[in-house]
């Protein structure tokens, strides 16, 4: 089973160049400007992870 928090954190690091999803308390550390392609790739990776998780749970 995929750990949801770990998967999302890894996607954020890999596709969005976001170091952590934890709030750190400053705008410089918590606000990002992202290119639409980064967001698209991250959403696609999350979708694929969900599909894989679903297949693992159903045995397909």
Protein backbone atom coordinates (compact mmCIF):
# COMPACT_ATOMS: atom_id res chain seq x y z
CA UNK A 1 0.00 0.00 0.00
CA UNK A 2 1.25 3.49 -0.84
CA UNK A 3 1.55 5.91 2.06
CA UNK A 4 -0.54 8.88 0.97
CA UNK A 5 1.53 11.51 2.82
CA UNK A 6 4.79 10.10 1.53
CA UNK A 7 3.51 9.89 -2.04
CA UNK A 8 2.17 13.43 -2.05
CA UNK A 9 5.34 14.77 -0.47
CA UNK A 10 7.46 12.95 -3.03
CA UNK A 11 5.33 14.29 -5.89
CA UNK A 12 5.70 17.82 -4.49
CA UNK A 13 9.48 17.43 -4.36
CA UNK A 14 9.83 15.73 -7.74
CA UNK A 15 7.43 17.83 -9.82
CA UNK A 16 6.93 21.12 -8.02
CA UNK A 17 10.37 21.66 -6.44
CA UNK A 18 8.59 22.07 -3.10
CA UNK A 19 10.86 21.01 -0.26
CA UNK A 20 8.09 20.23 2.23
CA UNK A 21 4.32 20.47 2.49
CA UNK A 22 4.56 21.56 6.11
CA UNK A 23 3.77 25.20 6.88
CA UNK A 24 6.95 26.99 7.93
CA UNK A 25 5.47 30.34 8.85
CA UNK A 26 6.94 32.76 6.35
CA UNK A 27 5.68 33.80 2.96
CA UNK A 28 9.12 33.23 1.45
CA UNK A 29 9.02 29.58 2.54
CA UNK A 30 5.30 28.83 2.13
CA UNK A 31 4.32 30.56 -1.15
CA UNK A 32 5.46 29.28 -4.55
CA UNK A 33 5.08 30.38 -8.14
CA UNK A 34 4.59 27.35 -10.35
CA UNK A 35 4.50 26.86 -14.07
CA UNK A 36 1.27 25.30 -15.29
CA UNK A 37 3.25 22.37 -16.72
CA UNK A 38 4.67 21.60 -13.26
CA UNK A 39 1.15 21.50 -11.88
CA UNK A 40 -0.05 19.30 -14.75
CA UNK A 41 2.80 16.83 -14.22
CA UNK A 42 2.21 16.72 -10.46
CA UNK A 43 -1.52 16.10 -10.90
CA UNK A 44 -0.80 13.37 -13.44
CA UNK A 45 1.66 11.72 -11.05
CA UNK A 46 -0.93 11.85 -8.26
CA UNK A 47 -3.55 10.35 -10.56
CA UNK A 48 -1.22 7.53 -11.62
CA UNK A 49 -0.33 6.83 -7.97
CA UNK A 50 -4.04 6.62 -7.15
CA UNK A 51 -4.72 4.25 -10.04
CA UNK A 52 -1.83 2.02 -8.93
CA UNK A 53 -3.08 2.06 -5.33
CA UNK A 54 -6.57 1.15 -6.47
CA UNK A 55 -5.27 -1.76 -8.53
CA UNK A 56 -3.17 -2.98 -5.59
CA UNK A 57 -6.23 -2.95 -3.32
CA UNK A 58 -8.51 -4.73 -5.80
CA UNK A 59 -5.87 -7.16 -7.07
CA UNK A 60 -6.31 -6.13 -10.72
